[in-house]
Amino acid sequence: LSLRERTMSGVLRRGGPITHVVFDVDGTLLDTEPVYSEVLSELLESYGHKFTLELKQRMMGLPEIEACRLAVREFNLPVTPEQHSADRARKLSEKWPSIRVMPGARELVEYLHAKGIPMALATGSSAKTLQQKTQNHPWFSYFKTAVVSDDPNVKRGKPFPDMFLRAAGLLGNTNPETVLVFEDAALGVAAALAAKMNTVAVPDERFTKDLTPFAHAHQILHSLSEFRPEEWGL
């Protein structure tokens, strides 16, 4: 059996029943990753550089400014990370209103909302960017709270557990083993596992060929439409 098939063959739950759920946004709920790739490719080409899948994989899950620092450092760009971030944000803001939803995302969120399960977002996006991405998706109102990259109470981004612990705390959760996290990026999976939370990985096969970094996730799915709530007592 493949790693994915082995992980899907049984839910390796930890702790008690699931009481709270936390979702990543980029690549998990919204199909933003191709847009990030397109914009970064355009910016790098303007400096005579080529965007690679390897760089994409290293960026996925990083807070916005950290991703920009990585690009500036990697290619020795003649701008500061802050200027690169501003250039990127300007191009991205034109594209966010028409962003697509990942398969099964809206249906799963609506199902959990109907079941009365408190939900939060934990994202590497800033508060402003998150608002731009979600403005045409009213079902995001079902989330009780969102932890963003510019939250002053979060000192470290993914792969550290801070964002997920903060999100669970804002939901009133005091036992991370009763929290379920959905993530598409290896850094996010590592963060959720470091928080000692149940973790469902949904890696995007367009950008992720090697599933080894997801090996310790409690479940690996092709898409959220494959998620079976009853397997988790939901």
Protein backbone atom coordinates (compact mmCIF):
# COMPACT_ATOMS: atom_id res chain seq x y z
CA LEU A 1 0.00 0.00 0.00
CA SER A 2 1.10 3.56 -0.66
CA LEU A 3 1.62 6.01 2.19
CA ARG A 4 -1.67 7.70 1.30
CA GLU A 5 -3.57 4.40 1.19
CA ARG A 6 -2.09 3.24 4.48
CA THR A 7 -3.05 6.48 6.19
CA MET A 8 -6.54 6.43 4.73
CA SER A 9 -7.09 2.80 5.77
CA GLY A 10 -7.86 3.82 9.33
CA VAL A 11 -8.18 6.97 11.38
CA LEU A 12 -5.38 7.06 13.95
CA ARG A 13 -7.19 9.33 16.39
CA ARG A 14 -5.65 10.63 19.54
CA GLY A 15 -7.45 11.78 22.67
CA GLY A 16 -11.17 12.11 23.24
CA PRO A 17 -14.04 13.04 20.92
CA ILE A 18 -13.53 15.96 18.54
CA THR A 19 -15.05 19.14 19.97
CA HIS A 20 -13.43 21.88 17.85
CA VAL A 21 -12.09 22.16 14.29
CA VAL A 22 -9.41 24.46 12.85
CA PHE A 23 -8.82 24.97 9.12
CA ASP A 24 -5.90 26.35 7.20
CA VAL A 25 -7.06 28.59 4.32
CA ASP A 26 -4.62 28.66 1.40
CA GLY A 27 -4.77 25.41 -0.54
CA THR A 28 -7.11 23.85 2.03
CA LEU A 29 -10.31 25.89 1.71
CA LEU A 30 -9.46 28.24 -1.16
CA ASP A 31 -7.53 27.47 -4.34
CA THR A 32 -5.00 30.25 -3.85
CA GLU A 33 -1.77 28.39 -4.50
CA PRO A 34 -1.88 28.63 -8.35
CA VAL A 35 -2.47 32.38 -7.98
CA TYR A 36 0.53 32.78 -5.67
CA SER A 37 2.63 30.81 -8.18
CA GLU A 38 1.49 32.94 -11.11
CA VAL A 39 2.20 36.24 -9.37
CA LEU A 40 5.56 35.19 -7.94
CA SER A 41 6.61 33.83 -11.32
CA GLU A 42 5.81 37.20 -12.91
CA LEU A 43 7.76 39.10 -10.25
CA LEU A 44 10.80 36.83 -10.46
CA GLU A 45 10.84 36.97 -14.25
CA SER A 46 10.98 40.77 -14.04
CA TYR A 47 14.32 40.30 -12.24
CA GLY A 48 15.53 37.63 -14.65
CA HIS A 49 14.84 34.64 -12.41
CA LYS A 50 12.70 31.53 -12.82
CA PHE A 51 10.14 30.29 -10.31
CA THR A 52 10.56 26.60 -9.44
CA LEU A 53 8.38 23.90 -7.87
CA GLU A 54 11.10 23.36 -5.27
CA LEU A 55 10.81 26.97 -4.12
CA LYS A 56 7.02 26.71 -4.15
CA GLN A 57 7.15 23.71 -1.82
CA ARG A 58 9.44 25.56 0.61
CA MET A 59 7.10 28.57 0.66
CA MET A 60 3.82 26.75 1.20
CA GLY A 61 2.51 27.37 4.71
CA LEU A 62 4.91 30.20 5.55
CA PRO A 63 3.55 33.53 6.82
CA GLU A 64 3.44 36.14 4.06
CA ILE A 65 6.52 38.11 5.12
CA GLU A 66 8.54 34.93 5.70
CA ALA A 67 7.75 33.74 2.17
CA CYS A 68 8.93 37.11 0.83
CA ARG A 69 12.13 36.95 2.88
CA LEU A 70 12.81 33.52 1.43
CA ALA A 71 12.37 34.74 -2.17
CA VAL A 72 14.54 37.84 -1.65
CA ARG A 73 17.28 35.78 0.01
CA GLU A 74 17.11 32.92 -2.49
CA PHE A 75 17.54 35.15 -5.55
CA ASN A 76 19.36 38.08 -3.95
CA LEU A 77 16.62 40.40 -5.23
CA PRO A 78 17.40 44.14 -5.28
CA VAL A 79 14.45 44.94 -2.99
CA THR A 80 13.67 44.51 0.68
CA PRO A 81 11.31 41.72 1.77
CA GLU A 82 8.81 44.43 2.72
CA GLN A 83 8.91 45.98 -0.77
CA HIS A 84 8.65 42.56 -2.39
CA SER A 85 5.66 41.85 -0.15
CA ALA A 86 4.00 45.12 -1.18
CA ASP A 87 4.60 44.39 -4.88
CA ARG A 88 3.18 40.91 -4.47
CA ALA A 89 0.15 42.10 -2.48
CA ARG A 90 -0.70 44.69 -5.13
CA LYS A 91 -0.79 42.08 -7.89
CA LEU A 92 -2.60 39.51 -5.76
CA SER A 93 -5.34 41.90 -4.62
CA GLU A 94 -6.61 42.07 -8.20
CA LYS A 95 -7.08 38.30 -8.30
CA TRP A 96 -8.54 37.46 -4.87
CA PRO A 97 -12.19 38.39 -5.57
CA SER A 98 -12.47 35.60 -8.16
CA ILE A 99 -10.62 32.90 -6.21
CA ARG A 100 -12.09 29.39 -6.44
CA VAL A 101 -13.09 27.07 -3.60
CA MET A 102 -11.26 23.78 -3.05
CA PRO A 103 -13.38 20.65 -3.72
CA GLY A 104 -15.58 19.75 -0.76
CA ALA A 105 -14.54 22.77 1.33
CA ARG A 106 -17.80 24.69 1.48
CA GLU A 107 -19.86 21.52 1.97
CA LEU A 108 -17.69 20.36 4.88
CA VAL A 109 -17.76 23.74 6.60
CA GLU A 110 -21.53 23.96 6.22
CA TYR A 111 -21.92 20.41 7.58
CA LEU A 112 -19.79 21.14 10.67
CA HIS A 113 -21.65 24.42 11.23
CA ALA A 114 -24.99 22.60 11.08
CA LYS A 115 -23.66 20.13 13.66
CA GLY A 116 -22.77 23.00 15.99
CA ILE A 117 -19.02 22.34 15.90
CA PRO A 118 -17.05 25.55 16.72
CA MET A 119 -14.56 26.33 13.94
CA ALA A 120 -11.59 28.66 13.52
CA LEU A 121 -9.13 29.63 10.80
CA ALA A 122 -5.33 29.57 11.24
CA THR A 123 -3.64 31.18 8.26
CA GLY A 124 -0.35 32.63 7.14
CA SER A 125 -2.31 35.46 5.52
CA SER A 126 -2.62 38.89 7.10
CA ALA A 127 -6.02 40.07 8.29
CA LYS A 128 -6.36 42.35 5.24
CA THR A 129 -5.46 39.59 2.77
CA LEU A 130 -7.81 37.11 4.44
CA GLN A 131 -10.67 39.59 4.08
CA GLN A 132 -9.87 40.05 0.37
CA LYS A 133 -9.78 36.31 -0.23
CA THR A 134 -13.03 35.53 1.56
CA GLN A 135 -15.16 38.56 0.61
CA ASN A 136 -17.18 36.65 -2.00
CA HIS A 137 -17.59 33.49 0.09
CA PRO A 138 -20.28 34.16 2.73
CA TRP A 139 -19.84 30.72 4.31
CA PHE A 140 -16.67 32.00 5.98
CA SER A 141 -19.02 33.72 8.44
CA TYR A 142 -19.46 30.29 10.04
CA PHE A 143 -15.97 30.55 11.54
CA LYS A 144 -16.03 31.97 15.03
CA THR A 145 -12.51 33.39 14.84
CA ALA A 146 -9.40 33.63 12.66
CA VAL A 147 -5.74 33.66 13.67
CA VAL A 148 -3.71 35.58 11.07
CA SER A 149 -0.02 36.21 10.46
CA ASP A 150 -0.17 39.74 11.88
CA ASP A 151 -1.85 38.67 15.12
CA PRO A 152 0.33 40.32 17.80
CA ASN A 153 -0.31 37.35 20.11
CA VAL A 154 1.36 34.91 17.69
CA LYS A 155 5.13 35.23 17.80
CA ARG A 156 5.97 32.26 15.58
CA GLY A 157 4.31 31.02 12.40
CA LYS A 158 4.03 27.48 11.11
CA PRO A 159 5.74 24.96 11.62
CA PHE A 160 5.54 26.11 15.24
CA PRO A 161 2.28 25.22 17.03
CA ASP A 162 1.47 28.79 18.15
CA MET A 163 -1.25 29.59 15.57
CA PHE A 164 -3.21 26.42 16.22
CA LEU A 165 -2.94 26.71 19.99
CA ARG A 166 -4.10 30.33 19.76
CA ALA A 167 -7.03 29.37 17.51
CA ALA A 168 -8.14 26.56 19.82
CA GLY A 169 -7.81 28.83 22.83
CA LEU A 170 -9.99 31.49 21.21
CA LEU A 171 -12.63 28.79 20.66
CA GLY A 172 -12.49 27.95 24.36
CA ASN A 173 -10.69 24.64 23.91
CA THR A 174 -8.33 23.54 26.69
CA ASN A 175 -7.52 20.05 25.40
CA PRO A 176 -5.67 20.00 22.05
CA GLU A 177 -6.28 16.28 21.69
CA THR A 178 -9.96 17.04 21.02
CA VAL A 179 -9.15 19.45 18.17
CA LEU A 180 -9.15 18.41 14.51
CA VAL A 181 -6.99 20.37 12.04
CA PHE A 182 -7.20 20.41 8.22
CA GLU A 183 -4.00 21.38 6.40
CA ASP A 184 -2.56 21.11 2.89
CA ALA A 185 1.06 22.13 3.59
CA ALA A 186 3.81 20.13 5.28
CA LEU A 187 4.70 23.09 7.51
CA GLY A 188 1.08 23.32 8.64
CA VAL A 189 0.86 19.61 9.35
CA ALA A 190 4.04 19.86 11.42
CA ALA A 191 2.55 22.79 13.35
CA ALA A 192 -0.69 20.95 14.10
CA LEU A 193 1.16 17.84 15.22
CA ALA A 194 3.44 19.97 17.42
CA ALA A 195 0.25 21.34 19.01
CA LYS A 196 -0.72 17.70 19.75
CA MET A 197 -3.88 17.98 17.64
CA ASN A 198 -5.55 15.46 15.34
CA THR A 199 -4.40 16.30 11.83
CA VAL A 200 -5.93 15.62 8.42
CA ALA A 201 -3.54 16.40 5.56
CA VAL A 202 -4.93 17.34 2.15
CA PRO A 203 -1.78 17.86 0.04
CA ASP A 204 -2.26 19.47 -3.36
CA GLU A 205 -0.90 16.99 -5.88
CA ARG A 206 -0.19 19.80 -8.36
CA PHE A 207 2.56 21.05 -6.05
CA THR A 208 3.29 18.11 -3.75
CA LYS A 209 4.82 14.95 -5.21
CA ASP A 210 6.52 13.58 -2.10
CA LEU A 211 4.14 12.61 0.70
CA THR A 212 6.90 11.71 3.15
CA PRO A 213 6.60 15.02 5.10
CA PHE A 214 2.94 14.12 5.74
CA ALA A 215 3.68 10.63 7.08
CA HIS A 216 2.72 11.45 10.67
CA ALA A 217 -0.64 13.02 9.83
CA HIS A 218 -3.57 11.04 11.24
CA GLN A 219 -5.18 10.92 7.82
CA ILE A 220 -4.19 11.92 4.26
CA LEU A 221 -6.89 12.73 1.70
CA HIS A 222 -6.94 13.67 -1.98
CA SER A 223 -9.51 16.38 -1.23
CA LEU A 224 -11.90 17.50 1.49
CA SER A 225 -14.73 15.86 -0.44
CA GLU A 226 -13.26 12.51 0.66
CA PHE A 227 -13.56 13.34 4.36
CA ARG A 228 -15.99 11.11 6.22
CA PRO A 229 -17.20 12.87 9.39
CA GLU A 230 -18.52 9.64 10.89
CA GLU A 231 -14.96 8.27 11.04
CA TRP A 232 -14.21 11.06 13.48
CA GLY A 233 -17.47 10.90 15.40
CA LEU A 234 -18.71 14.11 13.79
